[in-house]
Amino acid sequence: MLALRRHQLVRLTETGWAAVQSLPWDEPARACLAQWATHRLPLVVTQQRAGLPPSHVALGLPAPLQWRRRRIALHVPLSSVLYFDDFPTAAAVAALLSISVLTSVPTRVPTSIRDGWLSLAAALTELGAAPRVYGSFGWQQLTGLPYLHADSDLDLHLSVSDARAADVVADALSRAPFAKPRLDGELVFFDGSAVAWREWCQWRAGRVEKILVKRLTGVAMEAGTAWLGERQTC
């Protein structure tokens, strides 16, 4: 079985899109999927639940605002996958920070916010975190469709090798030079286990006893450090 990972993008073949569109969707879902198929937009790997047909992969389509942010779930055979892809880099979404979505009327935002974001993105890259942006900012950058709204967070996928690396990356995030948009996202360890960076800070500070760990096959509350595996360095 291919080594899938969370937040991995999938591009389908023409045959794959035809098969997806042939399913009995309701009209809004059908219209959204038609847009995706026409423009060959990506889907995203989601939780691979028990009972999934052999050699199939579970995928999701978080629709933009025009489809009320509906989440469409589906699965396809791996033979329908043209190739795998990634969300945009942190630096790539800088242009989206040039216009504020925090008010009903879009306005220019201070250059310092974009500059601060680029500085943070560079620092995270230097730390080896390979920052990529998913969520509303990531999907709008990928598709050009309207995803951003007043409460949109900047969701970051951050690769970390061990607990100490996670601490350093989380510290950099906590010192971000701006408060809006709010920084959210996950620290992703070598085996694919992921935790929200803010929850990681709380857990490491001893304010909570357990932390929610997300994996490709599900989620679990974990105590102690055994879940970090052999590479744990605390």
Foldseek 3Di string as FASTA:
>chain_A
DDDDAFQKKFFFDLVQLVVVLVDDDPDLVNVQSVVCSVVRFIWTFAADEPPPPPQKTKTWDQDAVVSPRDIDIDIDHPVGTPDMDHFAFQLLLLVVQQWAQQDPDIDGDDVVLSVLSVVLSVVLVVLVFRKGWDAQSRVCSRPVDHHDHNQGAGEIRTEDAALVSLVVNLVSLVPRPDPPPPHWYWYAYPSNKIFISVQSVCVVVVVDQWGWIATSNGIDTDGDCVVRDPRYDD
